[in-house]
Amino acid sequence: MLLIYVPKLTNRLGYTLKVVFNHLLKAEYSITTEEEYFLKWGDAKLCYGPKRLGDSVFIKSVPLLFQTTIEEQEPHPECRGGQWVMYPVYGRDLDFDFDPLAATFFMVARYEEYLPHREDEHGRFIPEESLAWKAGFLDQPVVDQWARLIRNKIAERFPLYELPKQLYTFVQTVDIDAAWRYLHKGTFRTLVGMMRDLFSRHQPDEVMRRIRVLMHKEEDPFDTFDYIIDLHERTPGSYLLFFVLLADYGQYDKPASYLNRHTRELVQHLGDYAKMGLHPGYHSLEQPMKLDTEKKRLEAIIHRTVVRGRYHFLRLRLPRSYRIMHHAGIKHDYTMGYADVAGFRAGISVPYPFYDLERDHENELLIHPFCVMDTTLKKYLRLSPEEGLNEYKKLIDRVREVDGTFCCIVHNQNLNELDGWAGWKEVYEQMVEYAGNKQVTT
């Protein structure tokens, strides 16, 4: 058992220790504020505070984790020997030249998103406002790396103490914004789509394709679900989740109706092979009752309680978005990431609990961060398929190095040759193969 000494146990400090030692290092530990008890401890021990105690591993603290207010921060990020660090500390006989616990809290609590910042047209925190973007470490799971540094120092100081092995994990999540391109849209939407095709630059190919699909002479190009499931089943050790949009039709939400028999049958079919989650509609952030309504729709279809969610358009606004989810009974969120850039928004790859900084306490909602989305690579970064595959591989390698969780987002509607997506289906296949193989443990 690892014993951790702290001069004062605050909500922030207790939460950060939980993230590092429970969620990242999978280690059992206990906490004490008694110096004498700590000094007599005969097993592995770590001291967090202003001074070293005995022969323990020592992390010199900065004030952040002992504060209760939200204040402007000066983390002073710096790359030292290839490792990014924040909150530098100074003095003699230090095991770390920075405070990795304070740095961890700043990143995973998303401290900077509670400070004044710019938002995009959808009310989202933009990556250019983040410290990781400005300093240049957005593509690094720095929190996982800092936990690895702590682990290595404990192993070096206490060689007889064994920390559990960590496991690399691959999680692919699929957002179903539109289950079909042509089928099951209803008479009115089908006629409007046909008229739009006739007067657009896509004719005659789009018109003829729509007719062939409606006559069941050709598969709907968005119906790639069995292909996704088959690829998943051929990838041992991977996890697959579907997030279904069941909002009412509108400017930003264009799903097939939840009342449609084919929609219900599809969702039930997918639920036989993978975990299902809700994709709350665009306006659920302003009108939380919509999330409750959509959750009940999905539960009525799959006959199970829905505990997973990811906001449509990745509309994550802290702390409101997570409070709404928690109030609705969602226990696992998958929204933590950026729409327009790839990387680790919270600096971490593994699931971790939400900390409500305004209320200064931990929330039981578990956050599952993702680091890359297919539309990010093609639409926002405008990468070629080859460049996109290289970006996938780079991020996968980053996660493998720390035995973390590689979580990505793909869309069923992007796995075809239409709308400029030629070549990306092959990228998806190669990404899944690369991410699913070599399940490394250290």
Protein backbone atom coordinates (compact mmCIF):
# COMPACT_ATOMS: atom_id res chain seq x y z
CA MET A 1 0.00 0.00 0.00
CA LEU A 2 1.31 3.43 -0.97
CA LEU A 3 0.97 6.09 1.72
CA ILE A 4 0.63 9.72 0.63
CA TYR A 5 1.28 12.61 3.00
CA VAL A 6 -0.40 15.97 2.48
CA PRO A 7 -0.36 18.86 4.97
CA LYS A 8 -4.06 19.52 4.24
CA LEU A 9 -6.55 17.45 2.26
CA THR A 10 -8.71 19.62 0.01
CA ASN A 11 -11.34 18.62 -2.53
CA ARG A 12 -9.01 19.52 -5.37
CA LEU A 13 -6.12 17.53 -3.97
CA GLY A 14 -8.20 14.47 -3.13
CA TYR A 15 -9.67 14.52 -6.64
CA THR A 16 -6.27 14.86 -8.32
CA LEU A 17 -4.79 11.97 -6.33
CA LYS A 18 -7.77 9.87 -7.39
CA VAL A 19 -7.23 10.69 -11.07
CA VAL A 20 -3.50 9.94 -10.94
CA PHE A 21 -3.42 6.86 -8.72
CA ASN A 22 -6.83 5.28 -9.38
CA HIS A 23 -7.59 6.12 -12.98
CA LEU A 24 -4.09 6.29 -14.43
CA LEU A 25 -1.80 4.13 -12.29
CA LYS A 26 -4.49 1.75 -10.97
CA ALA A 27 -2.72 1.81 -7.59
CA GLU A 28 -4.09 1.41 -4.09
CA TYR A 29 -3.14 4.21 -1.72
CA SER A 30 -4.10 5.89 1.50
CA ILE A 31 -3.73 9.51 2.61
CA THR A 32 -2.51 10.94 5.90
CA THR A 33 -1.96 14.40 7.30
CA GLU A 34 0.02 13.06 10.30
CA GLU A 35 3.76 13.61 9.88
CA GLU A 36 4.80 11.18 12.61
CA TYR A 37 2.65 8.38 11.24
CA PHE A 38 4.01 9.01 7.75
CA LEU A 39 7.64 8.97 8.89
CA LYS A 40 7.15 5.59 10.59
CA TRP A 41 5.55 4.04 7.52
CA GLY A 42 7.67 1.11 6.31
CA ASP A 43 6.34 0.72 2.77
CA ALA A 44 6.32 2.98 -0.28
CA LYS A 45 5.37 6.58 0.44
CA LEU A 46 5.00 9.90 -1.31
CA CYS A 47 5.08 13.36 0.23
CA TYR A 48 3.19 16.27 -1.34
CA GLY A 49 3.77 19.61 0.31
CA PRO A 50 6.30 22.38 0.88
CA LYS A 51 9.08 20.14 2.26
CA ARG A 52 10.40 16.60 2.02
CA LEU A 53 9.61 14.16 4.82
CA GLY A 54 12.04 11.29 5.38
CA ASP A 55 13.01 9.02 2.50
CA SER A 56 9.73 9.42 0.61
CA VAL A 57 9.24 10.40 -3.00
CA PHE A 58 8.81 14.16 -2.81
CA ILE A 59 6.60 16.42 -4.94
CA LYS A 60 7.01 20.04 -3.96
CA SER A 61 3.62 21.72 -4.11
CA VAL A 62 2.44 24.99 -5.61
CA PRO A 63 -0.69 26.70 -4.16
CA LEU A 64 -3.25 25.57 -6.77
CA LEU A 65 -4.55 22.42 -5.06
CA PHE A 66 -4.93 24.20 -1.72
CA GLN A 67 -7.06 26.99 -3.19
CA THR A 68 -10.86 27.06 -3.43
CA THR A 69 -11.38 30.01 -5.77
CA ILE A 70 -10.97 30.37 -9.54
CA GLU A 71 -8.09 32.71 -10.29
CA GLU A 72 -5.85 33.57 -13.22
CA GLN A 73 -3.07 31.01 -13.43
CA GLU A 74 0.54 31.14 -14.61
CA PRO A 75 1.45 27.50 -15.29
CA HIS A 76 4.59 28.45 -17.28
CA PRO A 77 4.62 25.44 -19.65
CA GLU A 78 8.07 24.42 -20.82
CA CYS A 79 9.58 21.49 -22.71
CA ARG A 80 12.50 20.01 -20.79
CA GLY A 81 14.40 17.15 -22.34
CA GLY A 82 11.48 16.26 -24.58
CA GLN A 83 8.95 16.33 -21.73
CA TRP A 84 6.42 19.12 -21.32
CA VAL A 85 6.05 20.35 -17.74
CA MET A 86 3.99 23.02 -15.96
CA TYR A 87 4.09 24.77 -12.60
CA PRO A 88 7.88 24.71 -12.11
CA VAL A 89 9.27 24.49 -8.57
CA TYR A 90 12.72 25.34 -7.26
CA GLY A 91 14.95 24.21 -4.45
CA ARG A 92 17.42 21.52 -3.47
CA ASP A 93 16.95 17.77 -3.29
CA LEU A 94 13.87 17.71 -5.54
CA ASP A 95 12.51 14.58 -7.17
CA PHE A 96 10.56 16.71 -9.65
CA ASP A 97 11.35 20.18 -10.96
CA PHE A 98 7.64 20.87 -11.44
CA ASP A 99 4.38 20.06 -9.67
CA PRO A 100 2.81 17.23 -11.71
CA LEU A 101 -0.29 17.08 -9.48
CA ALA A 102 -1.14 20.76 -9.91
CA ALA A 103 -0.44 20.45 -13.63
CA THR A 104 -2.76 17.44 -13.81
CA PHE A 105 -5.58 19.29 -12.07
CA PHE A 106 -5.22 22.33 -14.32
CA MET A 107 -5.59 20.12 -17.39
CA VAL A 108 -8.27 17.60 -16.41
CA ALA A 109 -10.50 20.06 -14.53
CA ARG A 110 -10.27 22.26 -17.65
CA TYR A 111 -9.40 25.21 -15.45
CA GLU A 112 -8.80 27.52 -18.41
CA GLU A 113 -12.35 26.93 -19.69
CA TYR A 114 -13.73 28.61 -16.55
CA LEU A 115 -11.67 31.73 -17.22
CA PRO A 116 -12.72 34.39 -19.76
CA HIS A 117 -12.26 33.01 -23.29
CA ARG A 118 -13.52 33.24 -26.85
CA GLU A 119 -16.10 30.82 -28.27
CA ASP A 120 -16.97 29.77 -31.80
CA GLU A 121 -20.36 30.18 -33.49
CA HIS A 122 -21.68 27.11 -31.69
CA GLY A 123 -20.69 28.36 -28.24
CA ARG A 124 -17.70 26.04 -27.96
CA PHE A 125 -14.33 26.72 -26.37
CA ILE A 126 -11.90 27.03 -29.26
CA PRO A 127 -8.57 25.16 -29.17
CA GLU A 128 -6.58 28.29 -30.00
CA GLU A 129 -7.55 29.59 -26.55
CA SER A 130 -6.00 26.59 -24.81
CA LEU A 131 -2.59 26.49 -23.21
CA ALA A 132 -1.83 23.18 -24.95
CA TRP A 133 -2.40 24.78 -28.36
CA LYS A 134 -0.41 27.91 -27.59
CA ALA A 135 2.55 26.02 -26.10
CA GLY A 136 2.46 23.23 -28.69
CA PHE A 137 1.68 20.06 -26.73
CA LEU A 138 -1.94 19.41 -27.74
CA ASP A 139 -0.86 16.21 -29.48
CA GLN A 140 0.67 14.85 -26.26
CA PRO A 141 -1.19 12.99 -23.48
CA VAL A 142 0.83 14.97 -20.95
CA VAL A 143 -1.23 13.93 -17.92
CA ASP A 144 -0.58 10.25 -18.69
CA GLN A 145 3.10 11.11 -19.12
CA TRP A 146 3.26 12.89 -15.76
CA ALA A 147 1.65 9.90 -14.06
CA ARG A 148 4.28 7.70 -15.69
CA LEU A 149 7.02 9.93 -14.26
CA ILE A 150 5.55 9.53 -10.76
CA ARG A 151 5.25 5.79 -11.23
CA ASN A 152 8.88 5.49 -12.35
CA LYS A 153 10.14 7.55 -9.42
CA ILE A 154 8.20 5.40 -6.92
CA ALA A 155 9.57 2.22 -8.53
CA GLU A 156 13.09 3.63 -8.39
CA ARG A 157 12.86 4.65 -4.72
CA PHE A 158 10.94 1.57 -3.56
CA PRO A 159 11.92 -1.35 -5.83
CA LEU A 160 10.05 -3.91 -3.70
CA TYR A 161 6.76 -2.06 -4.18
CA GLU A 162 4.93 -3.28 -7.28
CA LEU A 163 2.51 -1.02 -9.12
CA PRO A 164 -0.13 -2.74 -11.26
CA LYS A 165 0.50 -3.10 -14.97
CA GLN A 166 -1.35 -0.69 -17.24
CA LEU A 167 -3.18 -1.78 -20.37
CA TYR A 168 -3.41 -0.01 -23.70
CA THR A 169 -7.06 0.13 -24.86
CA PHE A 170 -8.69 0.91 -28.19
CA VAL A 171 -12.21 2.40 -28.22
CA GLN A 172 -13.94 3.31 -31.48
CA THR A 173 -17.13 5.33 -31.23
CA VAL A 174 -19.58 5.92 -34.07
CA ASP A 175 -21.86 8.96 -34.26
CA ILE A 176 -25.08 8.31 -36.17
CA ASP A 177 -26.12 11.78 -37.33
CA ALA A 178 -27.89 10.36 -40.38
CA ALA A 179 -28.51 6.62 -40.65
CA TRP A 180 -29.47 6.80 -44.33
CA ARG A 181 -28.80 9.20 -47.18
CA TYR A 182 -32.00 8.45 -49.12
CA LEU A 183 -34.04 5.75 -47.40
CA HIS A 184 -36.69 6.07 -44.70
CA LYS A 185 -36.91 9.88 -44.79
CA GLY A 186 -40.67 10.13 -45.29
CA THR A 187 -42.50 11.28 -48.40
CA PHE A 188 -42.06 15.02 -47.92
CA ARG A 189 -38.30 14.93 -47.20
CA THR A 190 -37.77 12.49 -50.08
CA LEU A 191 -39.60 14.74 -52.56
CA VAL A 192 -37.72 17.84 -51.36
CA GLY A 193 -34.44 15.95 -51.72
CA MET A 194 -35.37 14.85 -55.22
CA MET A 195 -36.21 18.41 -56.27
CA ARG A 196 -32.96 19.67 -54.77
CA ASP A 197 -31.02 17.06 -56.74
CA LEU A 198 -32.70 18.05 -59.99
CA PHE A 199 -31.62 21.67 -59.62
CA SER A 200 -28.15 21.07 -58.25
CA ARG A 201 -24.78 20.41 -59.81
CA HIS A 202 -25.03 16.77 -58.68
CA GLN A 203 -27.51 15.80 -61.37
CA PRO A 204 -27.85 13.40 -63.01
CA ASP A 205 -25.66 11.11 -60.85
CA GLU A 206 -27.31 12.02 -57.54
CA VAL A 207 -30.81 11.74 -58.97
CA MET A 208 -30.15 8.33 -60.50
CA ARG A 209 -28.39 7.07 -57.38
CA ARG A 210 -31.32 8.15 -55.23
CA ILE A 211 -33.76 6.35 -57.53
CA ARG A 212 -31.70 3.15 -57.56
CA VAL A 213 -31.52 3.16 -53.74
CA LEU A 214 -35.24 3.89 -53.33
CA MET A 215 -35.99 1.02 -55.70
CA HIS A 216 -33.67 -1.21 -53.61
CA LYS A 217 -31.37 -1.82 -56.54
CA GLU A 218 -28.44 -0.30 -54.67
CA GLU A 219 -27.43 -0.07 -51.01
CA ASP A 220 -27.89 3.26 -49.25
CA PRO A 221 -24.36 4.75 -49.04
CA PHE A 222 -24.77 5.74 -45.37
CA ASP A 223 -25.80 2.22 -44.34
CA THR A 224 -22.32 1.02 -43.35
CA PHE A 225 -23.27 -0.43 -39.97
CA ASP A 226 -22.77 -4.13 -40.70
CA TYR A 227 -19.41 -3.27 -42.24
CA ILE A 228 -18.39 -1.41 -39.06
CA ILE A 229 -19.52 -4.28 -36.83
CA ASP A 230 -17.75 -6.86 -38.97
CA LEU A 231 -14.50 -4.90 -38.84
CA HIS A 232 -14.85 -4.53 -35.08
CA GLU A 233 -15.40 -8.25 -34.59
CA ARG A 234 -12.19 -8.91 -36.53
CA THR A 235 -10.27 -6.62 -34.17
CA PRO A 236 -9.63 -8.41 -30.87
CA GLY A 237 -9.39 -6.24 -27.79
CA SER A 238 -11.30 -3.26 -29.20
CA TYR A 239 -14.49 -1.67 -27.89
CA LEU A 240 -17.31 -0.32 -30.06
CA LEU A 241 -19.99 2.21 -29.13
CA PHE A 242 -22.76 3.85 -31.19
CA PHE A 243 -24.24 7.26 -30.36
CA VAL A 244 -27.68 7.84 -31.86
CA LEU A 245 -29.18 11.22 -32.73
CA LEU A 246 -32.93 11.12 -31.99
CA ALA A 247 -33.64 14.85 -31.83
CA ASP A 248 -36.47 16.53 -33.69
CA TYR A 249 -35.63 17.59 -37.24
CA GLY A 250 -34.08 21.06 -37.46
CA GLN A 251 -31.30 23.21 -38.88
CA TYR A 252 -28.50 21.25 -37.20
CA ASP A 253 -30.29 17.97 -36.46
CA LYS A 254 -31.40 15.90 -39.46
CA PRO A 255 -31.93 12.33 -38.26
CA ALA A 256 -34.49 9.86 -39.49
CA SER A 257 -37.57 10.00 -37.27
CA TYR A 258 -37.39 8.01 -34.07
CA LEU A 259 -40.97 6.90 -34.84
CA ASN A 260 -39.82 5.29 -38.07
CA ARG A 261 -39.94 1.48 -37.86
CA HIS A 262 -36.66 1.15 -39.73
CA THR A 263 -34.90 3.53 -37.34
CA ARG A 264 -36.07 1.53 -34.35
CA GLU A 265 -35.08 -1.78 -35.92
CA LEU A 266 -31.63 -0.44 -36.80
CA VAL A 267 -30.99 0.84 -33.28
CA GLN A 268 -32.14 -2.45 -31.78
CA HIS A 269 -29.89 -4.34 -34.19
CA LEU A 270 -26.86 -2.26 -33.29
CA GLY A 271 -27.59 -2.75 -29.60
CA ASP A 272 -27.09 -6.49 -30.08
CA TYR A 273 -23.44 -5.94 -31.05
CA ALA A 274 -22.24 -2.82 -29.23
CA LYS A 275 -22.91 -0.42 -26.39
CA MET A 276 -25.45 2.29 -27.23
CA GLY A 277 -25.37 5.92 -26.23
CA LEU A 278 -27.41 9.07 -26.84
CA HIS A 279 -26.27 11.84 -29.19
CA PRO A 280 -28.22 14.75 -27.63
CA GLY A 281 -29.46 17.21 -30.23
CA TYR A 282 -27.98 20.63 -30.93
CA HIS A 283 -30.46 22.57 -28.79
CA SER A 284 -30.32 20.28 -25.75
CA LEU A 285 -27.70 22.62 -24.27
CA GLU A 286 -30.14 25.55 -24.18
CA GLN A 287 -33.21 23.41 -23.52
CA PRO A 288 -32.22 20.56 -21.17
CA MET A 289 -35.70 19.03 -21.31
CA LYS A 290 -34.92 18.04 -24.90
CA LEU A 291 -32.13 15.81 -23.63
CA ASP A 292 -34.52 14.12 -21.22
CA THR A 293 -37.03 13.59 -24.02
CA GLU A 294 -34.45 12.16 -26.42
CA LYS A 295 -33.06 9.89 -23.71
CA LYS A 296 -36.53 8.45 -23.10
CA ARG A 297 -36.91 7.87 -26.85
CA LEU A 298 -33.74 5.79 -26.98
CA GLU A 299 -34.62 3.89 -23.82
CA ALA A 300 -38.02 3.03 -25.26
CA ILE A 301 -36.33 1.59 -28.35
CA ILE A 302 -33.58 -0.47 -26.72
CA HIS A 303 -35.50 -1.27 -23.50
CA ARG A 304 -32.49 -0.39 -21.38
CA THR A 305 -31.44 2.57 -19.27
CA VAL A 306 -29.21 4.93 -21.28
CA VAL A 307 -26.07 5.92 -19.36
CA ARG A 308 -23.78 7.14 -22.18
CA GLY A 309 -23.89 10.36 -24.14
CA ARG A 310 -22.05 12.68 -26.49
CA TYR A 311 -23.39 16.09 -27.47
CA HIS A 312 -24.12 16.65 -31.16
CA PHE A 313 -21.68 19.17 -32.68
CA LEU A 314 -19.52 18.46 -29.59
CA ARG A 315 -21.27 21.33 -27.82
CA LEU A 316 -19.34 21.19 -24.58
CA ARG A 317 -19.65 24.26 -22.38
CA LEU A 318 -18.35 23.86 -18.83
CA PRO A 319 -19.81 23.28 -16.37
CA ARG A 320 -23.32 23.56 -17.83
CA SER A 321 -23.09 20.70 -20.34
CA TYR A 322 -21.97 18.19 -17.73
CA ARG A 323 -24.47 19.34 -15.13
CA ILE A 324 -27.26 18.79 -17.65
CA MET A 325 -25.99 15.32 -18.48
CA HIS A 326 -25.61 14.35 -14.85
CA HIS A 327 -29.09 15.62 -14.00
CA ALA A 328 -30.52 13.52 -16.86
CA GLY A 329 -28.94 10.36 -15.48
CA ILE A 330 -26.08 10.09 -17.97
CA LYS A 331 -23.08 8.54 -16.21
CA HIS A 332 -20.52 8.45 -19.05
CA ASP A 333 -19.77 11.38 -21.37
CA TYR A 334 -17.75 11.12 -24.59
CA THR A 335 -17.73 14.78 -25.68
CA MET A 336 -14.30 15.83 -24.34
CA GLY A 337 -12.32 16.73 -27.44
CA TYR A 338 -12.21 19.29 -30.23
CA ALA A 339 -14.12 19.36 -33.51
CA ASP A 340 -11.58 21.29 -35.57
CA VAL A 341 -8.22 19.92 -34.35
CA ALA A 342 -6.93 16.56 -33.20
CA GLY A 343 -5.29 16.10 -29.83
CA PHE A 344 -5.87 15.73 -26.11
CA ARG A 345 -8.13 18.57 -24.95
CA ALA A 346 -7.71 17.63 -21.28
CA GLY A 347 -4.19 16.28 -21.74
CA ILE A 348 -5.35 12.79 -20.74
CA SER A 349 -6.32 9.67 -22.67
CA VAL A 350 -8.11 7.56 -20.03
CA PRO A 351 -11.59 8.03 -18.50
CA TYR A 352 -11.70 10.25 -15.41
CA PRO A 353 -14.37 11.89 -13.20
CA PHE A 354 -15.72 15.37 -13.86
CA TYR A 355 -14.69 18.10 -11.43
CA ASP A 356 -17.11 21.03 -11.20
CA LEU A 357 -14.69 23.88 -10.60
CA GLU A 358 -17.40 26.43 -9.83
CA ARG A 359 -18.80 24.26 -7.06
CA ASP A 360 -15.35 22.96 -6.12
CA HIS A 361 -16.29 19.32 -5.92
CA GLU A 362 -16.08 16.08 -7.88
CA ASN A 363 -19.09 14.92 -9.87
CA GLU A 364 -19.80 11.21 -10.42
CA LEU A 365 -20.07 11.72 -14.20
CA LEU A 366 -17.18 9.90 -15.89
CA ILE A 367 -15.51 11.65 -18.82
CA HIS A 368 -14.18 9.53 -21.70
CA PRO A 369 -11.95 11.84 -23.76
CA PHE A 370 -11.37 11.28 -27.48
CA CYS A 371 -8.37 12.57 -29.41
CA VAL A 372 -9.41 12.50 -33.08
CA MET A 373 -12.51 12.56 -35.28
CA ASP A 374 -12.74 11.63 -38.96
CA THR A 375 -14.37 14.93 -40.00
CA THR A 376 -11.62 16.83 -38.18
CA LEU A 377 -8.98 15.31 -40.40
CA LYS A 378 -10.79 15.80 -43.71
CA LYS A 379 -13.06 18.81 -43.22
CA TYR A 380 -11.20 21.04 -40.77
CA LEU A 381 -7.55 20.09 -41.28
CA ARG A 382 -8.12 19.28 -44.97
CA LEU A 383 -5.73 16.35 -44.91
CA SER A 384 -5.41 13.84 -47.71
CA PRO A 385 -6.26 10.22 -46.88
CA GLU A 386 -2.55 9.41 -46.59
CA GLU A 387 -1.94 12.39 -44.29
CA GLY A 388 -5.01 11.44 -42.25
CA LEU A 389 -3.71 7.91 -41.71
CA ASN A 390 -0.36 9.30 -40.58
CA GLU A 391 -2.14 11.53 -38.06
CA TYR A 392 -4.09 8.55 -36.74
CA LYS A 393 -0.90 6.53 -36.36
CA LYS A 394 0.93 9.38 -34.61
CA LEU A 395 -1.81 9.71 -31.99
CA ILE A 396 -2.10 5.95 -31.53
CA ASP A 397 1.65 5.76 -30.93
CA ARG A 398 1.44 8.58 -28.39
CA VAL A 399 -1.22 6.65 -26.46
CA ARG A 400 0.60 3.34 -26.71
CA GLU A 401 3.71 4.91 -25.19
CA VAL A 402 1.79 5.54 -21.97
CA ASP A 403 -0.47 2.45 -22.11
CA GLY A 404 -3.49 4.74 -22.32
CA THR A 405 -6.82 4.63 -24.14
CA PHE A 406 -7.02 5.55 -27.82
CA CYS A 407 -10.59 6.78 -28.37
CA CYS A 408 -11.70 8.10 -31.76
CA ILE A 409 -14.91 9.21 -33.47
CA VAL A 410 -16.07 8.06 -36.89
CA HIS A 411 -19.35 8.59 -38.72
CA ASN A 412 -21.21 5.90 -40.63
CA GLN A 413 -22.00 8.42 -43.37
CA ASN A 414 -18.32 9.07 -44.11
CA LEU A 415 -17.44 5.49 -45.04
CA ASN A 416 -18.31 5.79 -48.71
CA GLU A 417 -16.93 7.41 -51.85
CA LEU A 418 -19.33 10.38 -51.95
CA ASP A 419 -18.88 14.04 -51.00
CA GLY A 420 -15.09 13.93 -51.24
CA TRP A 421 -14.66 10.92 -48.94
CA ALA A 422 -13.02 8.71 -51.56
CA GLY A 423 -10.10 6.84 -50.00
CA TRP A 424 -11.15 7.43 -46.39
CA LYS A 425 -12.87 4.07 -45.97
CA GLU A 426 -9.48 2.45 -46.52
CA VAL A 427 -7.97 4.86 -44.01
CA TYR A 428 -10.57 3.74 -41.47
CA GLU A 429 -9.73 0.08 -42.06
CA GLN A 430 -6.00 0.67 -41.70
CA MET A 431 -6.53 2.82 -38.60
CA VAL A 432 -8.60 0.10 -36.92
CA GLU A 433 -6.01 -2.53 -37.79
CA TYR A 434 -3.15 -0.34 -36.52
CA ALA A 435 -4.95 0.66 -33.32
CA GLY A 436 -6.23 -2.83 -32.60
CA ASN A 437 -2.98 -4.71 -33.01
CA LYS A 438 -0.10 -4.98 -30.55
CA GLN A 439 -2.09 -4.53 -27.36
CA VAL A 440 1.01 -3.52 -25.42
CA THR A 441 1.38 -3.85 -21.64
CA THR A 442 4.21 -2.53 -19.50
